[in-house]
Each structure stands twice: as structure tokens, then as C-alpha cells.
Amino acid sequence: QAFLSQFSSCEVEIEPVQVDSGVADQPMTDEETRLGAKNRVASAQLKM
């Protein structure tokens, strides 16, 4: 929905991938949560 709203003239192809966050399953700080999202992106870029 976010990509369709911001790129309305484009078709959006979603590809899910399972990657590790490198943080606890339940992040317990703001910093750990942010790091988990960053780690997921970095891992996804390597994997796909």
C-alpha cells in the first residue's frame, strides 16, 4: 500500500524473504529495534 501510494504510476512486485534481524526476537529498546530493521535490509540485499 505504501509503495502504490508513492509510486502510483508503477506496478509493484513484492518479494518476501526470510532474513535474520541480528537482534532479540523481541527487541526491548529503541536502538535494538532500529538495528534489527537495518540488519534485515542489509541481509536482504545480500540474499536478493
ModelCIF file with pLDDT and N, C-alpha, C, O atoms, coordinates in Angstrom:
data_MODEL
#
_entry.id   MODEL 
#
_entity.id                         1 
_entity.type                       polymer 
_entity.pdbx_number_of_molecules   1 
#
_entity_poly.entity_id                      1 
_entity_poly.type                           'polypeptide(L)' 
_entity_poly.nstd_linkage                   no 
_entity_poly.nstd_monomer                   no 
_entity_poly.pdbx_seq_one_letter_code       QAFLSQFSSCEVEIEPVQVDSGVADQPMTDEETRLGAKNRVASAQLKM 
_entity_poly.pdbx_seq_one_letter_code_can   QAFLSQFSSCEVEIEPVQVDSGVADQPMTDEETRLGAKNRVASAQLKM 
_entity_poly.pdbx_strand_id                 A 
#
loop_
_entity_poly_seq.entity_id 
_entity_poly_seq.num 
_entity_poly_seq.mon_id 
_entity_poly_seq.hetero 
1 1  GLN n 
1 2  ALA n 
1 3  PHE n 
1 4  LEU n 
1 5  SER n 
1 6  GLN n 
1 7  PHE n 
1 8  SER n 
1 9  SER n 
1 10 CYS n 
1 11 GLU n 
1 12 VAL n 
1 13 GLU n 
1 14 ILE n 
1 15 GLU n 
1 16 PRO n 
1 17 VAL n 
1 18 GLN n 
1 19 VAL n 
1 20 ASP n 
1 21 SER n 
1 22 GLY n 
1 23 VAL n 
1 24 ALA n 
1 25 ASP n 
1 26 GLN n 
1 27 PRO n 
1 28 MET n 
1 29 THR n 
1 30 ASP n 
1 31 GLU n 
1 32 GLU n 
1 33 THR n 
1 34 ARG n 
1 35 LEU n 
1 36 GLY n 
1 37 ALA n 
1 38 LYS n 
1 39 ASN n 
1 40 ARG n 
1 41 VAL n 
1 42 ALA n 
1 43 SER n 
1 44 ALA n 
1 45 GLN n 
1 46 LEU n 
1 47 LYS n 
1 48 MET n 
#
_struct_asym.id          A 
_struct_asym.entity_id   1 
#
loop_
_ma_qa_metric.id 
_ma_qa_metric.mode 
_ma_qa_metric.name 
_ma_qa_metric.software_group_id 
_ma_qa_metric.type 
1 global pLDDT . pLDDT 
2 local  pLDDT . pLDDT 
#
_ma_qa_metric_global.metric_id      1 
_ma_qa_metric_global.metric_value   96.67 
_ma_qa_metric_global.model_id       1 
_ma_qa_metric_global.ordinal_id     1 
#
loop_
_ma_qa_metric_local.label_asym_id 
_ma_qa_metric_local.label_comp_id 
_ma_qa_metric_local.label_seq_id 
_ma_qa_metric_local.metric_id 
_ma_qa_metric_local.metric_value 
_ma_qa_metric_local.model_id 
_ma_qa_metric_local.ordinal_id 
A GLN 1  2 98.00 1 1  
A ALA 2  2 98.00 1 2  
A PHE 3  2 98.00 1 3  
A LEU 4  2 97.00 1 4  
A SER 5  2 97.00 1 5  
A GLN 6  2 97.00 1 6  
A PHE 7  2 96.00 1 7  
A SER 8  2 93.00 1 8  
A SER 9  2 92.00 1 9  
A CYS 10 2 93.00 1 10 
A GLU 11 2 95.00 1 11 
A VAL 12 2 96.00 1 12 
A GLU 13 2 97.00 1 13 
A ILE 14 2 98.00 1 14 
A GLU 15 2 98.00 1 15 
A PRO 16 2 98.00 1 16 
A VAL 17 2 98.00 1 17 
A GLN 18 2 97.00 1 18 
A VAL 19 2 97.00 1 19 
A ASP 20 2 95.00 1 20 
A SER 21 2 96.00 1 21 
A GLY 22 2 96.00 1 22 
A VAL 23 2 97.00 1 23 
A ALA 24 2 93.00 1 24 
A ASP 25 2 91.00 1 25 
A GLN 26 2 92.00 1 26 
A PRO 27 2 96.00 1 27 
A MET 28 2 95.00 1 28 
A THR 29 2 97.00 1 29 
A ASP 30 2 97.00 1 30 
A GLU 31 2 98.00 1 31 
A GLU 32 2 98.00 1 32 
A THR 33 2 98.00 1 33 
A ARG 34 2 98.00 1 34 
A LEU 35 2 98.00 1 35 
A GLY 36 2 98.00 1 36 
A ALA 37 2 98.00 1 37 
A LYS 38 2 98.00 1 38 
A ASN 39 2 98.00 1 39 
A ARG 40 2 98.00 1 40 
A VAL 41 2 98.00 1 41 
A ALA 42 2 98.00 1 42 
A SER 43 2 98.00 1 43 
A ALA 44 2 98.00 1 44 
A GLN 45 2 98.00 1 45 
A LEU 46 2 98.00 1 46 
A LYS 47 2 97.00 1 47 
A MET 48 2 97.00 1 48 
#
loop_
_atom_site.group_PDB 
_atom_site.id 
_atom_site.type_symbol 
_atom_site.label_atom_id 
_atom_site.label_alt_id 
_atom_site.label_comp_id 
_atom_site.label_asym_id 
_atom_site.label_entity_id 
_atom_site.label_seq_id 
_atom_site.pdbx_PDB_ins_code 
_atom_site.Cartn_x 
_atom_site.Cartn_y 
_atom_site.Cartn_z 
_atom_site.occupancy 
_atom_site.B_iso_or_equiv 
_atom_site.pdbx_formal_charge 
_atom_site.auth_seq_id 
_atom_site.auth_comp_id 
_atom_site.auth_asym_id 
_atom_site.auth_atom_id 
_atom_site.pdbx_PDB_model_num 
ATOM 1   N N  . GLN A 1 1  ? 0.821  -1.214  0.000   1.00 98.00 ? 1  GLN A N  1 
ATOM 2   C CA . GLN A 1 1  ? 0.000  0.000   0.000   1.00 98.00 ? 1  GLN A CA 1 
ATOM 3   C C  . GLN A 1 1  ? 0.856  1.266   0.000   1.00 98.00 ? 1  GLN A C  1 
ATOM 4   O O  . GLN A 1 1  ? 0.531  2.232   -0.692  1.00 98.00 ? 1  GLN A O  1 
ATOM 5   N N  . ALA A 1 2  ? 1.938  1.269   0.765   1.00 98.00 ? 2  ALA A N  1 
ATOM 6   C CA . ALA A 1 2  ? 2.804  2.448   0.811   1.00 98.00 ? 2  ALA A CA 1 
ATOM 7   C C  . ALA A 1 2  ? 3.455  2.701   -0.542  1.00 98.00 ? 2  ALA A C  1 
ATOM 8   O O  . ALA A 1 2  ? 3.480  3.839   -1.012  1.00 98.00 ? 2  ALA A O  1 
ATOM 9   N N  . PHE A 1 3  ? 3.979  1.658   -1.170  1.00 98.00 ? 3  PHE A N  1 
ATOM 10  C CA . PHE A 1 3  ? 4.626  1.829   -2.478  1.00 98.00 ? 3  PHE A CA 1 
ATOM 11  C C  . PHE A 1 3  ? 3.617  2.225   -3.544  1.00 98.00 ? 3  PHE A C  1 
ATOM 12  O O  . PHE A 1 3  ? 3.920  3.067   -4.389  1.00 98.00 ? 3  PHE A O  1 
ATOM 13  N N  . LEU A 1 4  ? 2.417  1.636   -3.526  1.00 97.00 ? 4  LEU A N  1 
ATOM 14  C CA . LEU A 1 4  ? 1.399  2.018   -4.502  1.00 97.00 ? 4  LEU A CA 1 
ATOM 15  C C  . LEU A 1 4  ? 0.988  3.477   -4.328  1.00 97.00 ? 4  LEU A C  1 
ATOM 16  O O  . LEU A 1 4  ? 0.701  4.162   -5.310  1.00 97.00 ? 4  LEU A O  1 
ATOM 17  N N  . SER A 1 5  ? 0.960  3.955   -3.085  1.00 97.00 ? 5  SER A N  1 
ATOM 18  C CA . SER A 1 5  ? 0.567  5.351   -2.870  1.00 97.00 ? 5  SER A CA 1 
ATOM 19  C C  . SER A 1 5  ? 1.659  6.319   -3.309  1.00 97.00 ? 5  SER A C  1 
ATOM 20  O O  . SER A 1 5  ? 1.354  7.414   -3.784  1.00 97.00 ? 5  SER A O  1 
ATOM 21  N N  . GLN A 1 6  ? 2.917  5.940   -3.161  1.00 97.00 ? 6  GLN A N  1 
ATOM 22  C CA . GLN A 1 6  ? 4.018  6.842   -3.505  1.00 97.00 ? 6  GLN A CA 1 
ATOM 23  C C  . GLN A 1 6  ? 4.510  6.673   -4.944  1.00 97.00 ? 6  GLN A C  1 
ATOM 24  O O  . GLN A 1 6  ? 5.126  7.583   -5.499  1.00 97.00 ? 6  GLN A O  1 
ATOM 25  N N  . PHE A 1 7  ? 4.248  5.537   -5.534  1.00 96.00 ? 7  PHE A N  1 
ATOM 26  C CA . PHE A 1 7  ? 4.658  5.272   -6.919  1.00 96.00 ? 7  PHE A CA 1 
ATOM 27  C C  . PHE A 1 7  ? 3.429  4.837   -7.715  1.00 96.00 ? 7  PHE A C  1 
ATOM 28  O O  . PHE A 1 7  ? 3.381  3.729   -8.249  1.00 96.00 ? 7  PHE A O  1 
ATOM 29  N N  . SER A 1 8  ? 2.447  5.716   -7.786  1.00 93.00 ? 8  SER A N  1 
ATOM 30  C CA . SER A 1 8  ? 1.144  5.349   -8.352  1.00 93.00 ? 8  SER A CA 1 
ATOM 31  C C  . SER A 1 8  ? 1.208  4.996   -9.834  1.00 93.00 ? 8  SER A C  1 
ATOM 32  O O  . SER A 1 8  ? 0.318  4.307   -10.333 1.00 93.00 ? 8  SER A O  1 
ATOM 33  N N  . SER A 1 9  ? 2.228  5.448   -10.545 1.00 92.00 ? 9  SER A N  1 
ATOM 34  C CA . SER A 1 9  ? 2.316  5.122   -11.968 1.00 92.00 ? 9  SER A CA 1 
ATOM 35  C C  . SER A 1 9  ? 3.076  3.817   -12.223 1.00 92.00 ? 9  SER A C  1 
ATOM 36  O O  . SER A 1 9  ? 3.296  3.435   -13.373 1.00 92.00 ? 9  SER A O  1 
ATOM 37  N N  . CYS A 1 10 ? 3.474  3.140   -11.149 1.00 93.00 ? 10 CYS A N  1 
ATOM 38  C CA . CYS A 1 10 ? 4.243  1.904   -11.290 1.00 93.00 ? 10 CYS A CA 1 
ATOM 39  C C  . CYS A 1 10 ? 3.462  0.699   -10.795 1.00 93.00 ? 10 CYS A C  1 
ATOM 40  O O  . CYS A 1 10 ? 2.613  0.796   -9.910  1.00 93.00 ? 10 CYS A O  1 
ATOM 41  N N  . GLU A 1 11 ? 3.773  -0.416  -11.385 1.00 95.00 ? 11 GLU A N  1 
ATOM 42  C CA . GLU A 1 11 ? 3.310  -1.699  -10.858 1.00 95.00 ? 11 GLU A CA 1 
ATOM 43  C C  . GLU A 1 11 ? 4.299  -2.078  -9.753  1.00 95.00 ? 11 GLU A C  1 
ATOM 44  O O  . GLU A 1 11 ? 5.501  -1.852  -9.896  1.00 95.00 ? 11 GLU A O  1 
ATOM 45  N N  . VAL A 1 12 ? 3.809  -2.646  -8.667  1.00 96.00 ? 12 VAL A N  1 
ATOM 46  C CA . VAL A 1 12 ? 4.674  -3.001  -7.545  1.00 96.00 ? 12 VAL A CA 1 
ATOM 47  C C  . VAL A 1 12 ? 4.683  -4.514  -7.377  1.00 96.00 ? 12 VAL A C  1 
ATOM 48  O O  . VAL A 1 12 ? 3.646  -5.132  -7.133  1.00 96.00 ? 12 VAL A O  1 
ATOM 49  N N  . GLU A 1 13 ? 5.855  -5.094  -7.510  1.00 97.00 ? 13 GLU A N  1 
ATOM 50  C CA . GLU A 1 13 ? 6.038  -6.536  -7.331  1.00 97.00 ? 13 GLU A CA 1 
ATOM 51  C C  . GLU A 1 13 ? 6.716  -6.751  -5.976  1.00 97.00 ? 13 GLU A C  1 
ATOM 52  O O  . GLU A 1 13 ? 7.851  -6.325  -5.763  1.00 97.00 ? 13 GLU A O  1 
ATOM 53  N N  . ILE A 1 14 ? 6.008  -7.415  -5.068  1.00 98.00 ? 14 ILE A N  1 
ATOM 54  C CA . ILE A 1 14 ? 6.521  -7.663  -3.716  1.00 98.00 ? 14 ILE A CA 1 
ATOM 55  C C  . ILE A 1 14 ? 7.151  -9.050  -3.661  1.00 98.00 ? 14 ILE A C  1 
ATOM 56  O O  . ILE A 1 14 ? 6.556  -10.031 -4.108  1.00 98.00 ? 14 ILE A O  1 
ATOM 57  N N  . GLU A 1 15 ? 8.343  -9.121  -3.117  1.00 98.00 ? 15 GLU A N  1 
ATOM 58  C CA . GLU A 1 15 ? 9.048  -10.396 -2.961  1.00 98.00 ? 15 GLU A CA 1 
ATOM 59  C C  . GLU A 1 15 ? 9.430  -10.550 -1.485  1.00 98.00 ? 15 GLU A C  1 
ATOM 60  O O  . GLU A 1 15 ? 10.367 -9.900  -1.022  1.00 98.00 ? 15 GLU A O  1 
ATOM 61  N N  . PRO A 1 16 ? 8.717  -11.401 -0.744  1.00 98.00 ? 16 PRO A N  1 
ATOM 62  C CA . PRO A 1 16 ? 9.097  -11.603 0.660   1.00 98.00 ? 16 PRO A CA 1 
ATOM 63  C C  . PRO A 1 16 ? 10.330 -12.492 0.785   1.00 98.00 ? 16 PRO A C  1 
ATOM 64  O O  . PRO A 1 16 ? 10.557 -13.385 -0.031  1.00 98.00 ? 16 PRO A O  1 
ATOM 65  N N  . VAL A 1 17 ? 11.112 -12.230 1.813   1.00 98.00 ? 17 VAL A N  1 
ATOM 66  C CA . VAL A 1 17 ? 12.301 -13.028 2.080   1.00 98.00 ? 17 VAL A CA 1 
ATOM 67  C C  . VAL A 1 17 ? 12.472 -13.136 3.593   1.00 98.00 ? 17 VAL A C  1 
ATOM 68  O O  . VAL A 1 17 ? 12.206 -12.189 4.332   1.00 98.00 ? 17 VAL A O  1 
ATOM 69  N N  . GLN A 1 18 ? 12.913 -14.294 4.030   1.00 97.00 ? 18 GLN A N  1 
ATOM 70  C CA . GLN A 1 18 ? 13.169 -14.507 5.462   1.00 97.00 ? 18 GLN A CA 1 
ATOM 71  C C  . GLN A 1 18 ? 14.638 -14.256 5.733   1.00 97.00 ? 18 GLN A C  1 
ATOM 72  O O  . GLN A 1 18 ? 15.499 -14.947 5.188   1.00 97.00 ? 18 GLN A O  1 
ATOM 73  N N  . VAL A 1 19 ? 14.932 -13.279 6.566   1.00 97.00 ? 19 VAL A N  1 
ATOM 74  C CA . VAL A 1 19 ? 16.308 -12.979 6.965   1.00 97.00 ? 19 VAL A CA 1 
ATOM 75  C C  . VAL A 1 19 ? 16.338 -12.727 8.465   1.00 97.00 ? 19 VAL A C  1 
ATOM 76  O O  . VAL A 1 19 ? 15.324 -12.383 9.072   1.00 97.00 ? 19 VAL A O  1 
ATOM 77  N N  . ASP A 1 20 ? 17.501 -12.900 9.043   1.00 95.00 ? 20 ASP A N  1 
ATOM 78  C CA . ASP A 1 20 ? 17.669 -12.699 10.477  1.00 95.00 ? 20 ASP A CA 1 
ATOM 79  C C  . ASP A 1 20 ? 17.845 -11.221 10.789  1.00 95.00 ? 20 ASP A C  1 
ATOM 80  O O  . ASP A 1 20 ? 18.462 -10.483 10.020  1.00 95.00 ? 20 ASP A O  1 
ATOM 81  N N  . SER A 1 21 ? 17.300 -10.797 11.919  1.00 96.00 ? 21 SER A N  1 
ATOM 82  C CA . SER A 1 21 ? 17.422 -9.403  12.335  1.00 96.00 ? 21 SER A CA 1 
ATOM 83  C C  . SER A 1 21 ? 18.722 -9.122  13.063  1.00 96.00 ? 21 SER A C  1 
ATOM 84  O O  . SER A 1 21 ? 19.156 -7.973  13.144  1.00 96.00 ? 21 SER A O  1 
ATOM 85  N N  . GLY A 1 22 ? 19.348 -10.170 13.596  1.00 96.00 ? 22 GLY A N  1 
ATOM 86  C CA . GLY A 1 22 ? 20.567 -9.968  14.362  1.00 96.00 ? 22 GLY A CA 1 
ATOM 87  C C  . GLY A 1 22 ? 20.332 -9.393  15.744  1.00 96.00 ? 22 GLY A C  1 
ATOM 88  O O  . GLY A 1 22 ? 21.279 -9.054  16.454  1.00 96.00 ? 22 GLY A O  1 
ATOM 89  N N  . VAL A 1 23 ? 19.056 -9.284  16.127  1.00 97.00 ? 23 VAL A N  1 
ATOM 90  C CA . VAL A 1 23 ? 18.708 -8.804  17.467  1.00 97.00 ? 23 VAL A CA 1 
ATOM 91  C C  . VAL A 1 23 ? 17.747 -9.812  18.093  1.00 97.00 ? 23 VAL A C  1 
ATOM 92  O O  . VAL A 1 23 ? 17.365 -10.790 17.450  1.00 97.00 ? 23 VAL A O  1 
ATOM 93  N N  . ALA A 1 24 ? 17.362 -9.579  19.330  1.00 93.00 ? 24 ALA A N  1 
ATOM 94  C CA . ALA A 1 24 ? 16.435 -10.478 20.028  1.00 93.00 ? 24 ALA A CA 1 
ATOM 95  C C  . ALA A 1 24 ? 15.118 -10.592 19.262  1.00 93.00 ? 24 ALA A C  1 
ATOM 96  O O  . ALA A 1 24 ? 14.719 -9.672  18.549  1.00 93.00 ? 24 ALA A O  1 
ATOM 97  N N  . ASP A 1 25 ? 14.447 -11.744 19.421  1.00 91.00 ? 25 ASP A N  1 
ATOM 98  C CA . ASP A 1 25 ? 13.132 -11.918 18.792  1.00 91.00 ? 25 ASP A CA 1 
ATOM 99  C C  . ASP A 1 25 ? 12.168 -10.818 19.221  1.00 91.00 ? 25 ASP A C  1 
ATOM 100 O O  . ASP A 1 25 ? 11.313 -10.391 18.445  1.00 91.00 ? 25 ASP A O  1 
ATOM 101 N N  . GLN A 1 26 ? 12.314 -10.364 20.465  1.00 92.00 ? 26 GLN A N  1 
ATOM 102 C CA . GLN A 1 26 ? 11.509 -9.245  20.949  1.00 92.00 ? 26 GLN A CA 1 
ATOM 103 C C  . GLN A 1 26 ? 12.469 -8.131  21.353  1.00 92.00 ? 26 GLN A C  1 
ATOM 104 O O  . GLN A 1 26 ? 12.916 -8.084  22.499  1.00 92.00 ? 26 GLN A O  1 
ATOM 105 N N  . PRO A 1 27 ? 12.792 -7.225  20.412  1.00 96.00 ? 27 PRO A N  1 
ATOM 106 C CA . PRO A 1 27 ? 13.697 -6.127  20.753  1.00 96.00 ? 27 PRO A CA 1 
ATOM 107 C C  . PRO A 1 27 ? 13.107 -5.276  21.890  1.00 96.00 ? 27 PRO A C  1 
ATOM 108 O O  . PRO A 1 27 ? 11.918 -4.959  21.896  1.00 96.00 ? 27 PRO A O  1 
ATOM 109 N N  . MET A 1 28 ? 13.969 -4.917  22.845  1.00 95.00 ? 28 MET A N  1 
ATOM 110 C CA . MET A 1 28 ? 13.475 -4.236  24.040  1.00 95.00 ? 28 MET A CA 1 
ATOM 111 C C  . MET A 1 28 ? 13.981 -2.798  24.201  1.00 95.00 ? 28 MET A C  1 
ATOM 112 O O  . MET A 1 28 ? 13.820 -2.194  25.262  1.00 95.00 ? 28 MET A O  1 
ATOM 113 N N  . THR A 1 29 ? 14.584 -2.263  23.159  1.00 97.00 ? 29 THR A N  1 
ATOM 114 C CA . THR A 1 29 ? 14.957 -0.844  23.183  1.00 97.00 ? 29 THR A CA 1 
ATOM 115 C C  . THR A 1 29 ? 14.729 -0.256  21.800  1.00 97.00 ? 29 THR A C  1 
ATOM 116 O O  . THR A 1 29 ? 14.635 -0.976  20.805  1.00 97.00 ? 29 THR A O  1 
ATOM 117 N N  . ASP A 1 30 ? 14.645 1.056   21.761  1.00 97.00 ? 30 ASP A N  1 
ATOM 118 C CA . ASP A 1 30 ? 14.514 1.771   20.505  1.00 97.00 ? 30 ASP A CA 1 
ATOM 119 C C  . ASP A 1 30 ? 15.704 1.464   19.604  1.00 97.00 ? 30 ASP A C  1 
ATOM 120 O O  . ASP A 1 30 ? 15.537 1.193   18.415  1.00 97.00 ? 30 ASP A O  1 
ATOM 121 N N  . GLU A 1 31 ? 16.908 1.508   20.175  1.00 98.00 ? 31 GLU A N  1 
ATOM 122 C CA . GLU A 1 31 ? 18.125 1.285   19.398  1.00 98.00 ? 31 GLU A CA 1 
ATOM 123 C C  . GLU A 1 31 ? 18.183 -0.130  18.831  1.00 98.00 ? 31 GLU A C  1 
ATOM 124 O O  . GLU A 1 31 ? 18.543 -0.321  17.670  1.00 98.00 ? 31 GLU A O  1 
ATOM 125 N N  . GLU A 1 32 ? 17.829 -1.125  19.650  1.00 98.00 ? 32 GLU A N  1 
ATOM 126 C CA . GLU A 1 32 ? 17.857 -2.518  19.205  1.00 98.00 ? 32 GLU A CA 1 
ATOM 127 C C  . GLU A 1 32 ? 16.835 -2.744  18.091  1.00 98.00 ? 32 GLU A C  1 
ATOM 128 O O  . GLU A 1 32 ? 17.104 -3.477  17.139  1.00 98.00 ? 32 GLU A O  1 
ATOM 129 N N  . THR A 1 33 ? 15.682 -2.125  18.207  1.00 98.00 ? 33 THR A N  1 
ATOM 130 C CA . THR A 1 33 ? 14.632 -2.269  17.195  1.00 98.00 ? 33 THR A CA 1 
ATOM 131 C C  . THR A 1 33 ? 15.084 -1.678  15.866  1.00 98.00 ? 33 THR A C  1 
ATOM 132 O O  . THR A 1 33 ? 14.921 -2.296  14.814  1.00 98.00 ? 33 THR A O  1 
ATOM 133 N N  . ARG A 1 34 ? 15.650 -0.481  15.923  1.00 98.00 ? 34 ARG A N  1 
ATOM 134 C CA . ARG A 1 34 ? 16.153 0.180   14.710  1.00 98.00 ? 34 ARG A CA 1 
ATOM 135 C C  . ARG A 1 34 ? 17.255 -0.664  14.066  1.00 98.00 ? 34 ARG A C  1 
ATOM 136 O O  . ARG A 1 34 ? 17.270 -0.846  12.849  1.00 98.00 ? 34 ARG A O  1 
ATOM 137 N N  . LEU A 1 35 ? 18.160 -1.171  14.874  1.00 98.00 ? 35 LEU A N  1 
ATOM 138 C CA . LEU A 1 35 ? 19.245 -2.010  14.365  1.00 98.00 ? 35 LEU A CA 1 
ATOM 139 C C  . LEU A 1 35 ? 18.689 -3.262  13.690  1.00 98.00 ? 35 LEU A C  1 
ATOM 140 O O  . LEU A 1 35 ? 19.197 -3.683  12.650  1.00 98.00 ? 35 LEU A O  1 
ATOM 141 N N  . GLY A 1 36 ? 17.654 -3.856  14.272  1.00 98.00 ? 36 GLY A N  1 
ATOM 142 C CA . GLY A 1 36 ? 17.035 -5.036  13.665  1.00 98.00 ? 36 GLY A CA 1 
ATOM 143 C C  . GLY A 1 36 ? 16.514 -4.761  12.267  1.00 98.00 ? 36 GLY A C  1 
ATOM 144 O O  . GLY A 1 36 ? 16.702 -5.574  11.362  1.00 98.00 ? 36 GLY A O  1 
ATOM 145 N N  . ALA A 1 37 ? 15.856 -3.615  12.081  1.00 98.00 ? 37 ALA A N  1 
ATOM 146 C CA . ALA A 1 37 ? 15.338 -3.252  10.755  1.00 98.00 ? 37 ALA A CA 1 
ATOM 147 C C  . ALA A 1 37 ? 16.486 -3.020  9.779   1.00 98.00 ? 37 ALA A C  1 
ATOM 148 O O  . ALA A 1 37 ? 16.422 -3.449  8.626   1.00 98.00 ? 37 ALA A O  1 
ATOM 149 N N  . LYS A 1 38 ? 17.533 -2.342  10.240  1.00 98.00 ? 38 LYS A N  1 
ATOM 150 C CA . LYS A 1 38 ? 18.699 -2.090  9.381   1.00 98.00 ? 38 LYS A CA 1 
ATOM 151 C C  . LYS A 1 38 ? 19.386 -3.396  8.994   1.00 98.00 ? 38 LYS A C  1 
ATOM 152 O O  . LYS A 1 38 ? 19.761 -3.591  7.838   1.00 98.00 ? 38 LYS A O  1 
ATOM 153 N N  . ASN A 1 39 ? 19.548 -4.290  9.973   1.00 98.00 ? 39 ASN A N  1 
ATOM 154 C CA . ASN A 1 39 ? 20.186 -5.584  9.696   1.00 98.00 ? 39 ASN A CA 1 
ATOM 155 C C  . ASN A 1 39 ? 19.379 -6.403  8.701   1.00 98.00 ? 39 ASN A C  1 
ATOM 156 O O  . ASN A 1 39 ? 19.944 -7.065  7.830   1.00 98.00 ? 39 ASN A O  1 
ATOM 157 N N  . ARG A 1 40 ? 18.067 -6.360  8.829   1.00 98.00 ? 40 ARG A N  1 
ATOM 158 C CA . ARG A 1 40 ? 17.217 -7.112  7.901   1.00 98.00 ? 40 ARG A CA 1 
ATOM 159 C C  . ARG A 1 40 ? 17.418 -6.632  6.462   1.00 98.00 ? 40 ARG A C  1 
ATOM 160 O O  . ARG A 1 40 ? 17.514 -7.436  5.535   1.00 98.00 ? 40 ARG A O  1 
ATOM 161 N N  . VAL A 1 41 ? 17.479 -5.307  6.293   1.00 98.00 ? 41 VAL A N  1 
ATOM 162 C CA . VAL A 1 41 ? 17.685 -4.762  4.945   1.00 98.00 ? 41 VAL A CA 1 
ATOM 163 C C  . VAL A 1 41 ? 19.038 -5.192  4.394   1.00 98.00 ? 41 VAL A C  1 
ATOM 164 O O  . VAL A 1 41 ? 19.132 -5.632  3.248   1.00 98.00 ? 41 VAL A O  1 
ATOM 165 N N  . ALA A 1 42 ? 20.075 -5.068  5.197   1.00 98.00 ? 42 ALA A N  1 
ATOM 166 C CA . ALA A 1 42 ? 21.418 -5.455  4.738   1.00 98.00 ? 42 ALA A CA 1 
ATOM 167 C C  . ALA A 1 42 ? 21.466 -6.930  4.343   1.00 98.00 ? 42 ALA A C  1 
ATOM 168 O O  . ALA A 1 42 ? 22.061 -7.286  3.326   1.00 98.00 ? 42 ALA A O  1 
ATOM 169 N N  . SER A 1 43 ? 20.845 -7.774  5.142   1.00 98.00 ? 43 SER A N  1 
ATOM 170 C CA . SER A 1 43 ? 20.816 -9.212  4.828   1.00 98.00 ? 43 SER A CA 1 
ATOM 171 C C  . SER A 1 43 ? 20.008 -9.495  3.571   1.00 98.00 ? 43 SER A C  1 
ATOM 172 O O  . SER A 1 43 ? 20.390 -10.339 2.760   1.00 98.00 ? 43 SER A O  1 
ATOM 173 N N  . ALA A 1 44 ? 18.896 -8.794  3.406   1.00 98.00 ? 44 ALA A N  1 
ATOM 174 C CA . ALA A 1 44 ? 18.060 -8.988  2.220   1.00 98.00 ? 44 ALA A CA 1 
ATOM 175 C C  . ALA A 1 44 ? 18.791 -8.553  0.954   1.00 98.00 ? 44 ALA A C  1 
ATOM 176 O O  . ALA A 1 44 ? 18.657 -9.184  -0.094  1.00 98.00 ? 44 ALA A O  1 
ATOM 177 N N  . GLN A 1 45 ? 19.561 -7.480  1.055   1.00 98.00 ? 45 GLN A N  1 
ATOM 178 C CA . GLN A 1 45 ? 20.320 -7.026  -0.114  1.00 98.00 ? 45 GLN A CA 1 
ATOM 179 C C  . GLN A 1 45 ? 21.345 -8.071  -0.549  1.00 98.00 ? 45 GLN A C  1 
ATOM 180 O O  . GLN A 1 45 ? 21.586 -8.255  -1.742  1.00 98.00 ? 45 GLN A O  1 
ATOM 181 N N  . LEU A 1 46 ? 21.945 -8.752  0.424   1.00 98.00 ? 46 LEU A N  1 
ATOM 182 C CA . LEU A 1 46 ? 22.905 -9.812  0.097   1.00 98.00 ? 46 LEU A CA 1 
ATOM 183 C C  . LEU A 1 46 ? 22.208 -11.039 -0.483  1.00 98.00 ? 46 LEU A C  1 
ATOM 184 O O  . LEU A 1 46 ? 22.694 -11.656 -1.431  1.00 98.00 ? 46 LEU A O  1 
ATOM 185 N N  . LYS A 1 47 ? 21.062 -11.380 0.102   1.00 97.00 ? 47 LYS A N  1 
ATOM 186 C CA . LYS A 1 47 ? 20.337 -12.584 -0.309  1.00 97.00 ? 47 LYS A CA 1 
ATOM 187 C C  . LYS A 1 47 ? 19.623 -12.398 -1.650  1.00 97.00 ? 47 LYS A C  1 
ATOM 188 O O  . LYS A 1 47 ? 19.551 -13.326 -2.456  1.00 97.00 ? 47 LYS A O  1 
ATOM 189 N N  . MET A 1 48 ? 19.104 -11.209 -1.877  1.00 97.00 ? 48 MET A N  1 
ATOM 190 C CA . MET A 1 48 ? 18.350 -10.920 -3.111  1.00 97.00 ? 48 MET A CA 1 
ATOM 191 C C  . MET A 1 48 ? 18.836 -9.580  -3.681  1.00 97.00 ? 48 MET A C  1 
ATOM 192 O O  . MET A 1 48 ? 18.343 -9.134  -4.717  1.00 97.00 ? 48 MET A O  1 
#
